[in-house]
Amino acid sequence: MSLRHCIKVDDFSKSEIFELFEIASEVKKKFRNKENFKPFKDLSLAMIFAKPSARTRVSFETGFSWMGGHAIYLAPQDIGLGKRETASDLAQLFSRYNDMIMARVFSHNDILDFEKNATVPVINGLTDYNHPCQILTDIFTIWEFKKNNFDHLKIVYIGDGNNIVNSWLRLSSVLPIEFISISPEGFYPDNTTVDLAKYSGISNIKISNSIDDVKNSDVVYTDVWASMGQKDEIDERIKSFSSYQVNSKLVSTAKPDYLFMHCLPAERGREVTNDVIDSKNSVVFEQAENRLHIQNAIMLKISGKI
């Protein structure tokens, strides 16, 4: 079997994404039923965290351990990525120690160096450019709730045009959806990625600064206004984003059965109000749990264990 990685959402074809949904559904049942399932027995996963995250660590470590493997957590101070060691050296070294590598880093070039130099499967746990595991989780969650009406959903993201948006755009070059990204001017997503999504001709793409585009949406999605590494900009960002808060007035124009999504952690009262994130339309905790299951599916798929 040729070596496979998960670096961006569109590393998977449309049919493979639906295959991931089926795998994730199956392992989700097994996990919830506490079934004995050990495809990674006696194997190890190196988890490299240049950028910390509670959810990413717990979901990968729990999932790989439940499937019989040994997950090794490497904190930023353990690695010194770009200071003590390069991504290319670490990729070659950990390929000799481990059977799989997950890396959560700042620079997207670092994950590309891991991909280029590793001789075992590499999973992108997040970069400043994209977050494939999160968006595959998100679309899997939407598929669970909208399975009978899944084609050409109107998915509206409101907030900073960050790595989440870039990944949605890359997904829209594979799966047919209507995707609208709403941000204040100056905070739009990466132009090259927007062009890639539009020129694919697969989906309807719109980059907007108008909250009126939330109207008749099937999914309303938001994220923090300042990501890790941008917290010193928060006062200025609050001024720019104050009219882009997801609140009851804004979502009242969405479809009655819309889904509210957030990749967490949420800064309640800032980008989203409690009455929205705690509403019957909110699926944020099912979405968060599904990180575990879709990541398990990704690991099984790219390792050829299923």
Protein backbone atom coordinates (compact mmCIF):
# COMPACT_ATOMS: atom_id res chain seq x y z
CA MET A 1 0.00 0.00 0.00
CA SER A 2 1.38 3.45 -0.93
CA LEU A 3 2.04 5.88 1.91
CA ARG A 4 -0.92 8.14 2.72
CA HIS A 5 -1.12 11.31 4.76
CA CYS A 6 -3.88 13.66 5.92
CA ILE A 7 -2.51 17.16 5.34
CA LYS A 8 -5.55 18.88 3.83
CA VAL A 9 -9.21 18.00 3.42
CA ASP A 10 -8.89 17.47 -0.32
CA ASP A 11 -6.31 14.75 0.17
CA PHE A 12 -9.49 12.65 0.16
CA SER A 13 -11.82 12.28 -2.82
CA LYS A 14 -15.58 12.65 -2.51
CA SER A 15 -16.06 8.88 -2.32
CA GLU A 16 -13.29 8.58 0.29
CA ILE A 17 -14.90 11.28 2.44
CA PHE A 18 -18.17 9.33 2.45
CA GLU A 19 -16.14 6.21 3.26
CA LEU A 20 -14.68 8.10 6.25
CA PHE A 21 -18.25 8.88 7.36
CA GLU A 22 -19.14 5.18 7.33
CA ILE A 23 -15.95 4.21 9.18
CA ALA A 24 -16.50 6.95 11.76
CA SER A 25 -20.11 5.84 12.29
CA GLU A 26 -18.99 2.27 12.88
CA VAL A 27 -16.16 3.11 15.30
CA LYS A 28 -18.44 5.59 17.11
CA LYS A 29 -20.85 2.72 17.85
CA LYS A 30 -18.00 0.50 18.97
CA PHE A 31 -16.54 3.22 21.20
CA ARG A 32 -19.89 4.04 22.83
CA ASN A 33 -20.57 0.34 23.39
CA LYS A 34 -17.06 -0.10 24.87
CA GLU A 35 -16.32 -2.88 22.40
CA ASN A 36 -12.92 -4.52 22.23
CA PHE A 37 -11.33 -3.08 19.07
CA LYS A 38 -7.53 -3.18 18.83
CA PRO A 39 -6.31 -2.63 15.23
CA PHE A 40 -3.33 -0.60 16.50
CA LYS A 41 -2.13 -3.18 19.05
CA ASP A 42 1.63 -2.81 19.67
CA LEU A 43 1.81 0.33 17.47
CA SER A 44 2.71 3.87 18.55
CA LEU A 45 1.60 7.37 17.60
CA ALA A 46 3.89 10.38 18.11
CA MET A 47 1.77 13.45 18.92
CA ILE A 48 3.79 16.61 18.32
CA PHE A 49 2.32 19.78 19.81
CA ALA A 50 4.10 22.97 18.87
CA LYS A 51 0.67 24.59 19.42
CA PRO A 52 -1.18 23.26 22.50
CA SER A 53 -4.78 21.98 22.49
CA ALA A 54 -6.77 20.06 25.09
CA ARG A 55 -9.32 18.65 22.62
CA THR A 56 -6.75 17.53 20.04
CA ARG A 57 -4.58 15.83 22.63
CA VAL A 58 -7.41 14.08 24.46
CA SER A 59 -9.21 12.94 21.31
CA PHE A 60 -6.11 11.54 19.58
CA GLU A 61 -4.65 9.99 22.72
CA THR A 62 -7.97 8.46 23.78
CA GLY A 63 -8.75 7.17 20.30
CA PHE A 64 -5.38 5.61 19.55
CA SER A 65 -5.20 4.05 23.03
CA TRP A 66 -8.73 2.65 22.75
CA MET A 67 -7.72 1.05 19.44
CA GLY A 68 -4.85 -0.73 21.19
CA GLY A 69 -1.94 1.59 20.46
CA HIS A 70 0.37 3.75 22.54
CA ALA A 71 0.07 7.53 21.99
CA ILE A 72 3.04 9.65 23.06
CA TYR A 73 2.41 13.31 23.91
CA LEU A 74 5.23 15.73 23.08
CA ALA A 75 4.66 19.25 24.44
CA PRO A 76 6.12 22.40 22.87
CA GLN A 77 9.00 22.41 25.38
CA ASP A 78 9.78 18.77 24.53
CA ILE A 79 10.20 19.55 20.85
CA GLY A 80 11.52 23.06 20.34
CA LEU A 81 10.34 22.91 16.74
CA GLY A 82 12.32 25.38 14.64
CA LYS A 83 14.65 26.14 17.52
CA ARG A 84 16.30 22.90 18.63
CA GLU A 85 15.20 20.72 15.73
CA THR A 86 13.69 21.06 12.27
CA ALA A 87 10.45 19.44 11.15
CA SER A 88 12.34 17.44 8.51
CA ASP A 89 14.74 15.96 11.10
CA LEU A 90 11.90 15.15 13.49
CA ALA A 91 9.92 13.49 10.70
CA GLN A 92 12.80 11.20 9.82
CA LEU A 93 13.57 10.40 13.46
CA PHE A 94 10.02 9.70 14.62
CA SER A 95 9.39 7.59 11.54
CA ARG A 96 12.03 5.25 12.97
CA TYR A 97 10.45 5.29 16.46
CA ASN A 98 6.76 5.36 15.65
CA ASP A 99 4.13 3.98 13.29
CA MET A 100 2.26 7.26 12.78
CA ILE A 101 2.82 10.97 13.42
CA MET A 102 0.27 13.64 14.33
CA ALA A 103 1.61 17.20 14.36
CA ARG A 104 -0.15 20.37 15.51
CA VAL A 105 2.03 23.30 14.49
CA PHE A 106 1.96 26.99 13.70
CA SER A 107 3.63 27.17 10.28
CA HIS A 108 2.02 25.22 7.45
CA ASN A 109 5.50 24.74 5.95
CA ASP A 110 6.37 22.60 8.98
CA ILE A 111 3.56 20.13 8.26
CA LEU A 112 4.66 20.03 4.61
CA ASP A 113 8.19 19.16 5.80
CA PHE A 114 6.75 16.35 7.91
CA GLU A 115 4.83 15.07 4.91
CA LYS A 116 7.88 15.24 2.66
CA ASN A 117 10.33 13.54 5.03
CA ALA A 118 8.26 11.03 7.02
CA THR A 119 8.16 7.37 6.04
CA VAL A 120 5.02 6.73 8.12
CA PRO A 121 1.56 8.35 7.79
CA VAL A 122 1.36 11.98 8.94
CA ILE A 123 -1.81 13.70 10.17
CA ASN A 124 -2.16 17.46 10.26
CA GLY A 125 -3.57 18.31 13.70
CA LEU A 126 -3.75 22.02 12.74
CA THR A 127 -1.62 24.69 11.14
CA ASP A 128 -2.15 28.43 10.86
CA TYR A 129 -3.37 27.74 7.31
CA ASN A 130 -5.77 24.83 7.75
CA HIS A 131 -7.40 22.27 10.07
CA PRO A 132 -8.50 19.19 8.09
CA CYS A 133 -9.46 16.99 11.05
CA GLN A 134 -11.84 19.67 12.32
CA ILE A 135 -13.59 20.25 9.01
CA LEU A 136 -13.94 16.53 8.30
CA THR A 137 -15.45 16.32 11.78
CA ASP A 138 -17.81 19.18 10.99
CA ILE A 139 -19.07 17.78 7.71
CA PHE A 140 -19.47 14.33 9.31
CA THR A 141 -21.58 15.91 12.06
CA ILE A 142 -23.73 17.71 9.48
CA TRP A 143 -24.10 14.43 7.57
CA GLU A 144 -25.33 12.71 10.75
CA PHE A 145 -28.04 15.34 11.29
CA LYS A 146 -28.92 16.09 7.65
CA LYS A 147 -28.37 12.71 6.02
CA ASN A 148 -31.66 12.78 4.11
CA ASN A 149 -31.10 16.33 2.87
CA PHE A 150 -27.35 16.54 2.48
CA ASP A 151 -26.85 17.84 -1.06
CA HIS A 152 -26.13 21.53 -1.62
CA LEU A 153 -26.63 22.63 1.96
CA LYS A 154 -26.22 26.34 2.69
CA ILE A 155 -23.38 26.54 5.20
CA VAL A 156 -22.62 30.01 6.54
CA TYR A 157 -19.49 30.81 8.51
CA ILE A 158 -19.37 34.15 10.32
CA GLY A 159 -16.16 35.50 11.87
CA ASP A 160 -12.46 35.63 11.12
CA GLY A 161 -11.39 34.21 7.74
CA ASN A 162 -8.98 31.81 9.44
CA ASN A 163 -7.73 28.23 9.03
CA ILE A 164 -11.25 26.89 9.60
CA VAL A 165 -12.54 28.87 6.62
CA ASN A 166 -9.60 27.80 4.44
CA SER A 167 -10.44 24.18 5.21
CA TRP A 168 -14.13 24.68 4.41
CA LEU A 169 -13.10 26.19 1.10
CA ARG A 170 -10.89 23.21 0.32
CA LEU A 171 -13.74 20.87 1.24
CA SER A 172 -16.04 22.76 -1.13
CA SER A 173 -13.68 21.86 -3.96
CA VAL A 174 -14.58 18.20 -3.32
CA LEU A 175 -18.15 18.12 -1.98
CA PRO A 176 -20.97 20.19 -3.52
CA ILE A 177 -22.24 22.72 -0.97
CA GLU A 178 -23.19 26.36 -0.83
CA PHE A 179 -20.56 27.99 1.36
CA ILE A 180 -20.64 31.61 2.46
CA SER A 181 -17.89 33.15 4.56
CA ILE A 182 -18.93 36.39 6.29
CA SER A 183 -16.19 38.59 7.75
CA PRO A 184 -15.49 42.28 8.19
CA GLU A 185 -13.28 43.75 5.49
CA GLY A 186 -9.62 43.02 6.19
CA PHE A 187 -10.38 39.61 7.68
CA TYR A 188 -11.27 37.63 4.57
CA PRO A 189 -9.86 34.13 3.94
CA ASP A 190 -6.80 33.34 1.83
CA ASN A 191 -7.35 34.56 -1.75
CA THR A 192 -5.58 31.62 -3.38
CA THR A 193 -7.77 29.16 -1.49
CA VAL A 194 -10.92 31.10 -2.42
CA ASP A 195 -9.86 30.91 -6.08
CA LEU A 196 -9.18 27.16 -5.80
CA ALA A 197 -12.68 26.60 -4.40
CA LYS A 198 -14.41 28.79 -6.98
CA TYR A 199 -12.51 27.47 -9.99
CA SER A 200 -13.21 23.85 -9.04
CA GLY A 201 -16.80 24.49 -10.08
CA ILE A 202 -18.06 22.01 -7.47
CA SER A 203 -19.76 24.40 -5.05
CA ASN A 204 -21.33 27.84 -4.83
CA ILE A 205 -18.86 30.07 -2.98
CA LYS A 206 -19.39 33.58 -1.67
CA ILE A 207 -17.09 35.81 0.38
CA SER A 208 -19.19 38.45 2.08
CA ASN A 209 -19.19 41.15 4.74
CA SER A 210 -22.98 41.16 5.16
CA ILE A 211 -24.73 39.33 7.99
CA ASP A 212 -27.85 39.33 5.79
CA ASP A 213 -26.33 36.31 4.03
CA VAL A 214 -27.24 34.18 7.07
CA LYS A 215 -30.82 34.12 5.75
CA ASN A 216 -32.19 30.62 5.01
CA SER A 217 -28.96 28.90 6.05
CA ASP A 218 -28.86 25.22 7.04
CA VAL A 219 -25.74 25.63 9.18
CA VAL A 220 -24.42 28.66 11.06
CA TYR A 221 -20.80 28.30 12.15
CA THR A 222 -18.51 30.60 14.09
CA ASP A 223 -15.12 30.61 15.80
CA VAL A 224 -13.20 32.87 18.18
CA TRP A 225 -12.35 36.30 16.83
CA ALA A 226 -8.68 35.98 17.83
CA SER A 227 -6.95 32.61 17.53
CA MET A 228 -3.91 31.46 19.49
CA GLY A 229 -1.05 33.81 18.62
CA GLN A 230 -3.46 36.71 17.96
CA LYS A 231 -4.63 37.44 21.50
CA ASP A 232 -2.66 40.71 21.62
CA GLU A 233 -4.96 41.94 18.84
CA ILE A 234 -8.19 41.22 20.71
CA ASP A 235 -9.19 44.82 21.57
CA GLU A 236 -8.95 45.91 17.94
CA ARG A 237 -10.65 42.74 16.75
CA ILE A 238 -13.59 43.28 19.12
CA LYS A 239 -14.14 46.65 17.46
CA SER A 240 -14.04 45.08 13.99
CA PHE A 241 -16.20 42.04 14.84
CA SER A 242 -18.74 43.49 17.30
CA SER A 243 -21.55 43.51 14.72
CA TYR A 244 -20.75 39.91 13.67
CA GLN A 245 -21.78 38.24 16.92
CA VAL A 246 -23.94 35.13 16.49
CA ASN A 247 -26.98 35.88 18.63
CA SER A 248 -30.68 35.08 18.61
CA LYS A 249 -31.50 38.00 16.31
CA LEU A 250 -28.96 36.89 13.71
CA VAL A 251 -29.97 33.20 13.66
CA SER A 252 -33.69 34.07 13.53
CA THR A 253 -33.25 34.43 9.76
CA ALA A 254 -31.77 30.94 9.37
CA LYS A 255 -33.97 27.93 8.65
CA PRO A 256 -35.94 26.74 11.72
CA ASP A 257 -33.96 23.47 11.80
CA TYR A 258 -30.55 25.10 11.26
CA LEU A 259 -27.52 23.67 13.06
CA PHE A 260 -25.27 25.90 15.14
CA MET A 261 -21.62 24.84 15.14
CA HIS A 262 -18.43 26.04 16.83
CA CYS A 263 -15.07 24.26 16.85
CA LEU A 264 -14.47 25.27 20.52
CA PRO A 265 -13.24 26.61 22.82
CA ALA A 266 -15.93 29.30 22.67
CA GLU A 267 -15.61 32.73 24.21
CA ARG A 268 -19.24 32.95 25.30
CA GLY A 269 -20.72 36.41 25.15
CA ARG A 270 -18.23 37.47 22.50
CA GLU A 271 -18.55 35.65 19.16
CA VAL A 272 -21.66 33.75 20.32
CA THR A 273 -24.28 34.26 23.00
CA ASN A 274 -25.36 31.62 25.52
CA ASP A 275 -28.89 31.45 24.14
CA VAL A 276 -27.49 30.26 20.79
CA ILE A 277 -24.73 27.90 21.90
CA ASP A 278 -27.04 26.28 24.46
CA SER A 279 -30.09 26.15 22.17
CA LYS A 280 -31.80 23.06 20.74
CA ASN A 281 -30.19 23.90 17.37
CA SER A 282 -26.68 23.73 18.79
CA VAL A 283 -24.68 20.57 18.05
CA VAL A 284 -21.34 21.80 19.41
CA PHE A 285 -20.77 18.95 21.87
CA GLU A 286 -21.77 16.23 19.41
CA GLN A 287 -19.41 18.01 17.00
CA ALA A 288 -16.65 18.02 19.63
CA GLU A 289 -17.13 14.31 20.38
CA ASN A 290 -16.99 13.53 16.69
CA ARG A 291 -13.38 14.78 16.54
CA LEU A 292 -12.52 11.52 18.30
CA HIS A 293 -14.45 9.36 15.85
CA ILE A 294 -13.44 11.01 12.56
CA GLN A 295 -9.79 11.08 13.65
CA ASN A 296 -10.03 7.38 14.44
CA ALA A 297 -11.49 6.87 10.95
CA ILE A 298 -8.67 8.89 9.37
CA MET A 299 -6.02 6.88 11.22
CA LEU A 300 -7.64 3.61 10.19
CA LYS A 301 -7.99 4.75 6.57
CA ILE A 302 -4.49 6.10 5.94
CA SER A 303 -2.79 3.23 7.79
CA GLY A 304 -4.75 0.64 5.80
CA LYS A 305 -6.11 -0.94 8.98
CA ILE A 306 -9.66 -1.05 7.70
